Protein backbone atom coordinates (compact mmCIF):
# COMPACT_ATOMS: atom_id res chain seq x y z
CA MET A 1 0.00 0.00 0.00
CA ALA A 2 2.90 2.39 0.73
CA GLU A 3 4.16 2.02 -2.84
CA HIS A 4 0.65 2.53 -4.25
CA MET A 5 0.17 5.63 -2.10
CA ALA A 6 3.46 7.06 -3.33
CA THR A 7 2.32 6.48 -6.92
CA LEU A 8 -0.97 8.23 -6.20
CA GLN A 9 0.79 11.23 -4.68
CA THR A 10 3.19 11.48 -7.62
CA ALA A 11 0.18 11.58 -9.94
CA LEU A 12 -1.39 14.36 -7.84
CA ARG A 13 1.73 16.50 -8.07
CA GLU A 14 1.94 15.95 -11.82
CA ALA A 15 -1.74 16.92 -12.12
CA GLY A 16 -1.14 20.17 -10.24
CA VAL A 17 -3.71 19.56 -7.49
CA ASP A 18 -3.29 19.79 -3.72
CA GLY A 19 -5.01 16.49 -3.07
CA TRP A 20 -7.60 13.90 -4.00
CA LEU A 21 -10.74 13.64 -1.88
CA PHE A 22 -12.57 10.31 -2.00
CA TYR A 23 -16.13 10.10 -0.73
CA ASP A 24 -18.63 7.28 -0.51
CA PHE A 25 -22.12 6.65 0.79
CA ARG A 26 -23.42 3.08 0.59
CA GLY A 27 -21.31 2.14 -2.39
CA SER A 28 -22.04 5.28 -4.39
CA ASP A 29 -18.48 5.39 -5.76
CA PRO A 30 -17.13 2.00 -6.87
CA LEU A 31 -14.13 3.81 -8.40
CA ALA A 32 -12.99 4.82 -4.92
CA TYR A 33 -12.90 1.22 -3.73
CA ARG A 34 -10.90 0.05 -6.73
CA ILE A 35 -8.41 2.92 -6.80
CA LEU A 36 -7.82 2.72 -3.05
CA LYS A 37 -7.73 -1.10 -3.12
CA LEU A 38 -10.39 -1.02 -0.43
CA SER A 39 -12.62 -3.99 0.28
CA ASN A 40 -16.29 -3.05 0.39
CA ALA A 41 -17.04 -5.53 3.16
CA GLY A 42 -19.25 -5.36 6.20
CA MET A 43 -22.00 -2.90 7.03
CA LEU A 44 -21.15 0.55 5.71
CA SER A 45 -24.23 2.69 6.18
CA ARG A 46 -22.62 6.09 6.85
CA ARG A 47 -20.60 8.56 4.81
CA TRP A 48 -16.82 8.36 4.77
CA PHE A 49 -14.13 10.63 3.33
CA TYR A 50 -10.50 9.86 2.56
CA TYR A 51 -8.10 12.65 1.66
CA ILE A 52 -4.75 12.04 -0.03
CA PRO A 53 -2.64 15.22 -0.11
CA ALA A 54 -0.03 15.68 -2.81
CA ALA A 55 2.55 15.46 -0.03
CA GLY A 56 2.25 14.21 3.53
CA ALA A 57 0.14 11.63 5.29
CA PRO A 58 -3.43 10.82 4.14
CA ARG A 59 -6.36 11.47 6.49
CA LYS A 60 -9.66 9.66 7.11
CA LEU A 61 -13.06 10.89 8.23
CA VAL A 62 -15.47 8.19 9.42
CA HIS A 63 -18.64 7.93 11.52
CA ARG A 64 -18.35 7.05 15.19
CA ILE A 65 -20.43 3.88 14.78
CA GLU A 66 -18.23 2.74 11.86
CA PRO A 67 -14.74 3.74 13.06
CA HIS A 68 -13.00 0.86 11.28
CA SER A 69 -14.53 1.39 7.81
CA LEU A 70 -11.18 2.65 6.42
CA ALA A 71 -8.94 0.69 8.77
CA THR A 72 -6.93 -0.91 5.97
CA LEU A 73 -5.84 2.47 4.60
CA PRO A 74 -2.91 4.48 5.96
CA GLY A 75 -3.31 7.81 7.72
CA GLY A 76 -4.77 9.42 10.81
CA THR A 77 -8.48 9.20 11.61
CA LEU A 78 -11.03 11.90 12.35
CA VAL A 79 -14.52 10.92 13.50
CA TYR A 80 -17.95 12.51 13.48
CA ALA A 81 -21.47 11.70 14.60
CA SER A 82 -23.65 14.77 14.11
CA TRP A 83 -23.84 16.79 10.93
CA HIS A 84 -22.25 19.70 12.82
CA GLU A 85 -19.25 17.50 13.56
CA LEU A 86 -19.16 16.30 9.98
CA HIS A 87 -18.79 19.84 8.65
CA THR A 88 -16.19 20.78 11.27
CA GLN A 89 -14.13 17.64 10.78
CA LEU A 90 -14.32 17.85 6.99
CA ALA A 91 -12.74 21.30 7.20
CA ALA A 92 -10.00 19.82 9.40
CA LEU A 93 -9.53 16.93 6.98
CA LEU A 94 -8.87 19.34 4.12
CA VAL A 95 -6.52 21.73 5.89
CA GLY A 96 -3.79 22.81 3.48
CA GLY A 97 -5.80 21.92 0.41
CA ARG A 98 -7.10 24.62 -1.90
CA ARG A 99 -7.48 22.79 -5.21
CA VAL A 100 -8.81 19.27 -4.72
CA ALA A 101 -9.83 16.55 -7.19
CA MET A 102 -13.04 14.58 -6.71
CA GLN A 103 -15.10 12.12 -8.76
CA TYR A 104 -16.97 15.03 -10.32
CA SER A 105 -17.43 16.01 -13.96
CA PRO A 106 -18.46 19.57 -14.89
CA GLN A 107 -21.97 19.54 -16.33
CA ASN A 108 -21.84 15.72 -16.10
CA ALA A 109 -19.77 15.72 -19.29
CA ILE A 110 -18.31 12.30 -18.43
CA PRO A 111 -20.98 10.28 -16.57
CA TYR A 112 -18.47 7.52 -15.76
CA ILE A 113 -16.71 9.99 -13.45
CA SER A 114 -19.76 11.71 -11.90
CA ARG A 115 -19.95 9.67 -8.71
CA VAL A 116 -20.11 12.45 -6.10
CA ASP A 117 -23.53 14.08 -5.65
CA ALA A 118 -23.97 17.83 -6.19
CA GLY A 119 -24.72 18.47 -2.52
CA THR A 120 -21.41 16.99 -1.37
CA VAL A 121 -19.54 19.05 -3.95
CA GLU A 122 -21.38 22.13 -2.64
CA LEU A 123 -20.39 21.22 0.92
CA VAL A 124 -16.70 20.95 0.01
CA ARG A 125 -16.82 24.20 -1.94
CA SER A 126 -18.43 25.95 1.05
CA LEU A 127 -15.14 25.33 2.89
CA GLY A 128 -13.27 27.48 0.37
CA ILE A 129 -12.03 24.50 -1.66
CA GLU A 130 -11.86 24.52 -5.46
CA VAL A 131 -13.21 21.16 -6.65
CA VAL A 132 -11.79 19.92 -9.95
CA THR A 133 -12.53 16.74 -11.88
CA SER A 134 -10.52 13.62 -11.19
CA ALA A 135 -11.24 12.31 -14.72
CA ASP A 136 -7.60 12.11 -15.86
CA LEU A 137 -6.47 10.75 -12.50
CA VAL A 138 -9.12 8.04 -12.61
CA GLN A 139 -8.06 7.13 -16.14
CA ARG A 140 -4.46 6.78 -15.01
CA PHE A 141 -5.38 4.26 -12.31
CA GLU A 142 -8.39 2.58 -13.94
CA ALA A 143 -7.67 2.43 -17.67
CA VAL A 144 -3.91 1.82 -17.95
CA TRP A 145 -3.21 -1.88 -18.40
CA SER A 146 -0.52 -4.05 -16.90
CA PRO A 147 1.44 -6.44 -19.19
CA GLU A 148 -0.69 -9.28 -17.83
CA GLN A 149 -3.90 -7.47 -18.77
CA TRP A 150 -2.59 -6.77 -22.27
CA GLU A 151 -1.88 -10.48 -22.69
CA ALA A 152 -5.34 -11.37 -21.35
CA HIS A 153 -6.94 -8.98 -23.84
CA GLN A 154 -5.07 -10.51 -26.75
CA TYR A 155 -6.32 -13.94 -25.75
CA ALA A 156 -9.90 -12.65 -25.50
CA ALA A 157 -9.69 -10.84 -28.86
CA ARG A 158 -8.25 -13.88 -30.67
CA THR A 159 -10.88 -16.11 -29.16
CA LEU A 160 -13.77 -13.79 -30.02
CA ARG A 161 -12.60 -13.81 -33.64
CA THR A 162 -12.75 -17.60 -33.57
CA ILE A 163 -16.21 -17.51 -32.03
CA ILE A 164 -17.45 -15.11 -34.74
CA ASP A 165 -16.41 -17.65 -37.37
CA GLU A 166 -17.98 -20.47 -35.37
CA ALA A 167 -21.24 -18.53 -35.00
CA PHE A 168 -21.52 -17.87 -38.74
CA ALA A 169 -20.82 -21.56 -39.37
CA TYR A 170 -23.52 -22.47 -36.82
CA ILE A 171 -26.02 -20.27 -38.69
CA ARG A 172 -25.02 -21.84 -42.02
CA GLU A 173 -25.29 -25.38 -40.70
CA ALA A 174 -28.68 -24.69 -39.12
CA VAL A 175 -30.27 -22.76 -42.00
CA SER A 176 -29.10 -25.06 -44.78
CA PRO A 177 -31.07 -28.17 -43.72
CA GLN A 178 -33.74 -26.62 -41.48
CA GLY A 179 -34.46 -23.32 -43.21
CA GLU A 180 -34.11 -21.19 -40.11
CA VAL A 181 -32.50 -20.70 -36.70
CA SER A 182 -33.59 -18.27 -33.99
CA GLU A 183 -31.56 -15.24 -32.95
CA HIS A 184 -31.85 -16.55 -29.40
CA ALA A 185 -30.43 -19.95 -30.34
CA VAL A 186 -27.39 -18.28 -31.92
CA GLN A 187 -26.94 -16.16 -28.81
CA GLN A 188 -27.03 -19.25 -26.62
CA PHE A 189 -24.53 -20.98 -28.92
CA ILE A 190 -22.13 -18.06 -28.47
CA LEU A 191 -22.54 -18.15 -24.69
CA GLY A 192 -21.68 -21.85 -24.81
CA ARG A 193 -18.50 -21.05 -26.72
CA PHE A 194 -17.60 -18.44 -24.10
CA ASP A 195 -17.76 -21.15 -21.47
CA HIS A 196 -15.78 -23.54 -23.67
CA TYR A 197 -12.95 -21.00 -23.96
CA SER A 198 -13.10 -19.94 -20.28
CA LEU A 199 -14.53 -16.53 -21.06
CA ARG A 200 -17.25 -14.59 -19.29
CA ALA A 201 -19.29 -11.46 -19.99
CA ASP A 202 -21.44 -9.08 -18.01
CA LYS A 203 -24.35 -9.41 -20.45
CA PRO A 204 -25.29 -11.77 -23.31
CA PRO A 205 -24.07 -10.93 -26.84
CA ILE A 206 -26.16 -9.18 -29.47
CA VAL A 207 -27.53 -11.34 -32.28
CA ALA A 208 -29.73 -9.21 -34.52
CA ALA A 209 -31.28 -9.98 -37.90
CA ASN A 210 -32.66 -7.53 -40.46
CA ALA A 211 -34.54 -4.64 -38.79
CA HIS A 212 -33.32 -5.77 -35.37
CA SER A 213 -29.77 -4.89 -36.47
CA ALA A 214 -30.88 -1.25 -36.74
CA ASP A 215 -31.29 -1.27 -32.94
CA PRO A 216 -27.72 -0.86 -31.58
CA HIS A 217 -28.58 -2.53 -28.26
CA PHE A 218 -31.05 -5.17 -29.42
CA GLN A 219 -31.25 -8.26 -27.22
CA PRO A 220 -32.94 -11.42 -28.57
CA THR A 221 -35.49 -13.34 -26.56
CA ALA A 222 -36.75 -16.89 -26.98
CA ASP A 223 -39.43 -15.67 -29.41
CA SER A 224 -37.87 -12.51 -30.87
CA GLY A 225 -37.17 -13.71 -34.38
CA GLN A 226 -35.77 -16.26 -36.82
CA ILE A 227 -32.78 -16.07 -39.16
CA ARG A 228 -33.47 -17.39 -42.65
CA ARG A 229 -31.96 -17.38 -46.12
CA GLY A 230 -31.81 -13.79 -47.42
CA ASP A 231 -31.45 -12.26 -43.96
CA PHE A 232 -28.81 -9.79 -42.77
CA VAL A 233 -27.20 -10.62 -39.40
CA LEU A 234 -25.20 -8.53 -36.93
CA LEU A 235 -23.14 -10.17 -34.16
CA ASP A 236 -21.74 -7.99 -31.36
CA ILE A 237 -19.81 -10.05 -28.80
CA TRP A 238 -17.67 -9.07 -25.83
CA ALA A 239 -16.00 -11.18 -23.15
CA LYS A 240 -12.94 -11.56 -20.95
CA ARG A 241 -11.08 -14.37 -19.25
CA LYS A 242 -12.54 -15.67 -16.02
CA ASP A 243 -9.31 -14.84 -14.18
CA PRO A 244 -9.27 -11.92 -11.71
CA ARG A 245 -8.36 -8.51 -13.18
CA SER A 246 -8.81 -9.72 -16.75
CA VAL A 247 -9.92 -7.15 -19.32
CA TYR A 248 -12.45 -7.31 -22.13
CA ALA A 249 -12.31 -7.58 -25.88
CA ASP A 250 -15.33 -6.40 -27.89
CA ILE A 251 -15.95 -6.88 -31.62
CA THR A 252 -18.85 -6.63 -34.08
CA TRP A 253 -19.23 -8.39 -37.43
CA THR A 254 -22.01 -8.61 -40.00
CA GLY A 255 -23.07 -11.32 -42.44
CA TYR A 256 -25.69 -12.17 -45.05
CA VAL A 257 -27.46 -15.55 -45.17
CA GLY A 258 -26.83 -16.26 -48.84
CA GLU A 259 -24.10 -16.83 -51.39
CA THR A 260 -23.99 -13.24 -52.70
CA VAL A 261 -24.38 -10.12 -50.56
CA PRO A 262 -26.89 -7.58 -51.95
CA GLU A 263 -25.47 -4.26 -53.08
CA GLU A 264 -27.44 -2.23 -50.49
CA HIS A 265 -25.74 -4.10 -47.65
CA ARG A 266 -22.34 -3.92 -49.31
CA GLN A 267 -22.68 -0.17 -49.92
CA ILE A 268 -23.55 0.70 -46.31
CA PHE A 269 -20.79 -1.59 -45.03
CA ARG A 270 -18.24 0.14 -47.26
CA ILE A 271 -19.09 3.53 -45.76
CA VAL A 272 -18.87 2.17 -42.21
CA GLN A 273 -15.59 0.42 -43.04
CA GLN A 274 -14.12 3.63 -44.46
CA ALA A 275 -15.11 5.52 -41.30
CA ARG A 276 -13.59 2.81 -39.11
CA ASP A 277 -10.36 2.70 -41.09
CA ALA A 278 -10.05 6.51 -41.16
CA ALA A 279 -10.26 6.55 -37.36
CA ILE A 280 -7.71 3.75 -37.05
CA ALA A 281 -5.29 5.54 -39.39
CA PHE A 282 -5.70 8.78 -37.46
CA VAL A 283 -4.86 7.03 -34.18
CA ARG A 284 -1.86 5.23 -35.67
CA ASP A 285 -0.43 8.41 -37.16
CA ALA A 286 -0.84 10.38 -33.93
CA VAL A 287 0.81 7.68 -31.82
CA HIS A 288 3.66 7.24 -34.31
CA LEU A 289 4.35 10.99 -34.36
CA GLY A 290 3.95 11.38 -30.60
CA THR A 291 1.10 13.86 -31.08
CA PRO A 292 -1.33 14.25 -28.14
CA LEU A 293 -4.49 12.33 -28.97
CA TYR A 294 -7.95 12.98 -27.55
CA GLY A 295 -11.13 10.93 -27.65
CA TRP A 296 -13.23 13.60 -29.34
CA GLN A 297 -10.79 13.82 -32.24
CA VAL A 298 -11.17 10.14 -33.10
CA ASP A 299 -14.95 10.46 -33.09
CA ASP A 300 -14.76 13.47 -35.41
CA MET A 301 -12.59 11.56 -37.87
CA ALA A 302 -15.03 8.65 -38.21
CA ARG A 303 -18.13 10.83 -38.14
CA GLN A 304 -16.84 13.06 -40.92
CA VAL A 305 -16.73 10.08 -43.32
CA ILE A 306 -20.31 9.07 -42.55
CA ASP A 307 -21.54 12.68 -42.67
CA THR A 308 -19.93 13.16 -46.10
CA ALA A 309 -21.66 10.01 -47.37
CA GLY A 310 -25.02 11.48 -46.33
CA TYR A 311 -25.77 9.21 -43.36
CA GLY A 312 -24.83 11.47 -40.46
CA GLU A 313 -28.34 11.32 -38.99
CA GLN A 314 -28.16 7.52 -39.00
CA PHE A 315 -24.95 7.38 -36.92
CA ILE A 316 -26.57 7.67 -33.50
CA HIS A 317 -23.84 6.83 -31.00
CA ARG A 318 -20.22 7.66 -30.21
CA THR A 319 -17.44 6.09 -32.26
CA GLY A 320 -16.01 4.05 -29.39
CA HIS A 321 -15.61 3.43 -25.70
CA SER A 322 -12.82 2.70 -23.26
CA ILE A 323 -12.21 -0.99 -22.55
CA GLY A 324 -10.98 -2.37 -19.25
CA GLU A 325 -12.10 -4.72 -16.53
CA GLU A 326 -15.55 -3.46 -17.51
CA VAL A 327 -16.43 -3.66 -21.19
CA HIS A 328 -17.31 0.04 -21.04
CA GLY A 329 -14.27 1.19 -19.11
CA ASN A 330 -13.33 4.41 -17.33
CA GLY A 331 -10.73 5.74 -19.74
CA ALA A 332 -11.18 8.13 -22.64
CA ASN A 333 -14.12 7.40 -24.95
CA MET A 334 -14.02 8.14 -28.68
CA ASP A 335 -16.80 10.66 -28.34
CA ASN A 336 -17.70 14.11 -29.55
CA TYR A 337 -21.37 13.23 -30.02
CA GLU A 338 -22.98 11.90 -26.85
CA THR A 339 -20.39 13.84 -24.81
CA ARG A 340 -17.26 15.78 -25.69
CA ASP A 341 -14.53 13.64 -24.21
CA GLU A 342 -11.49 15.87 -23.87
CA ARG A 343 -9.40 13.35 -21.97
CA ARG A 344 -6.08 12.49 -23.54
CA ILE A 345 -5.73 8.88 -24.70
CA LEU A 346 -3.01 7.47 -22.46
CA PRO A 347 -0.37 4.88 -23.37
CA HIS A 348 -1.24 1.31 -22.41
CA THR A 349 -4.97 1.85 -22.73
CA CYS A 350 -7.51 0.23 -25.06
CA PHE A 351 -10.70 1.37 -26.72
CA SER A 352 -13.16 0.31 -29.39
CA ILE A 353 -13.68 1.96 -32.77
CA GLU A 354 -17.18 1.04 -33.92
CA PRO A 355 -18.97 3.44 -36.28
CA GLY A 356 -22.40 2.42 -37.48
CA ILE A 357 -25.23 3.34 -39.82
CA TYR A 358 -28.76 2.37 -38.74
CA LEU A 359 -31.72 2.37 -41.11
CA PRO A 360 -34.84 1.81 -38.95
CA GLY A 361 -37.17 -0.83 -40.31
CA CYS A 362 -34.49 -2.11 -42.69
CA PHE A 363 -31.07 -3.02 -41.24
CA GLY A 364 -28.05 -1.55 -39.48
CA VAL A 365 -24.32 -2.00 -40.00
CA ARG A 366 -21.67 -1.63 -37.31
CA SER A 367 -18.03 -2.66 -37.61
CA GLU A 368 -16.17 -2.82 -34.31
CA VAL A 369 -12.50 -3.36 -33.58
CA ASP A 370 -10.36 -2.83 -30.49
CA VAL A 371 -7.25 -0.62 -30.48
CA PHE A 372 -4.48 -0.78 -27.88
CA VAL A 373 -1.98 2.07 -27.76
CA ASP A 374 1.41 2.36 -26.11
CA GLU A 375 4.13 5.01 -26.43
CA ARG A 376 5.13 3.94 -29.95
CA MET A 377 2.28 2.28 -31.81
CA ALA A 378 -1.41 1.48 -32.01
CA VAL A 379 -2.34 -2.19 -32.36
CA VAL A 380 -5.69 -3.38 -33.73
CA THR A 381 -6.45 -6.70 -32.05
CA GLY A 382 -8.70 -9.55 -33.12
CA GLN A 383 -7.14 -9.95 -36.55
CA PRO A 384 -8.10 -10.29 -39.28
CA ILE A 385 -10.67 -7.49 -39.04
CA GLN A 386 -13.74 -7.47 -41.28
CA ARG A 387 -13.26 -6.19 -44.84
CA GLU A 388 -16.61 -7.15 -46.35
CA VAL A 389 -20.01 -8.49 -45.32
CA ILE A 390 -19.67 -12.24 -44.84
CA SER A 391 -21.55 -14.45 -47.32
CA ILE A 392 -22.71 -16.97 -44.75
CA LEU A 393 -23.86 -19.63 -47.24
CA GLN A 394 -20.94 -19.25 -49.60
CA GLY A 395 -19.04 -22.48 -50.16
CA ARG A 396 -21.52 -24.67 -48.24
């Protein structure tokens, strides 16, 4: 813990803040528990604060009936019972701090970071403290991968590519003799392959045919629909190893249940592919040149391609998201649409690039890859990536 605390304090000095104030009420900030390596065990029904100054010993503020709630963390302890004591002791906790980071995002620009309620921020500010966002600090401790996590991601990405091929083969082998297979059955097949390869996921994969593929977050049910010859199919699958601290991979492919893909599907895929590849090239060039790279810039690059093709109104989500121990991680997102993510993309982080065009009532195309960046290069995992809509019945 001493080494981790020293790393935290180094990051605070580099960020130019006086300290980092962690706050939790009944599990309201899971980031705090992970960053502090704090077990959320036992009955914790009262507010606690933990202040790490840029230099010097950390300090705790806990309720009198839960005096041991932060016992595993270093530093002296202040206690409170009444709200009067809370305010007085919070001021004592923050002595020497004028500019303090918290899990707060101005105007809720980055919801992943907005864990502290407005009233608590107001309380801290009432003590003469300037509260600034901890977004970049959180990214440094939540989104940067260890070598072991990078290896775990590569395994997950390779395996998901295998499962994509297996799922298309499953559709082909079911449709050819039987005429149809349900979206739900394909989803369950994929979940079975996850288990076979020792993978797990927080939610089941997306298997969407025809108009369902125009719903970016469609989830099949037992009676949602069948896949037949002449249908368009989108598979969006994400998973990670079952080992502790493993990280996700997340990819999306599309296919057509026939020998020859219709031109309308091929045309929309080409536009999405061009947007995806433009974003990848932009990232690679920036990393190679050592140019600072921000999430909003990557979104702009992909969105410009789709806007120019005349489908800007049909691209209804950000270009990509951070990937970590959660499939939607806490690092920089490729977003200047749903939010403007101005966080710098850090070395040893990973994110998806997944532009899409969605034509309600008809079909939707999304092509998703994962990109890992370090100080020298950007690596697209899960090779080979999709270059054309798969002809699912070709060569049967």
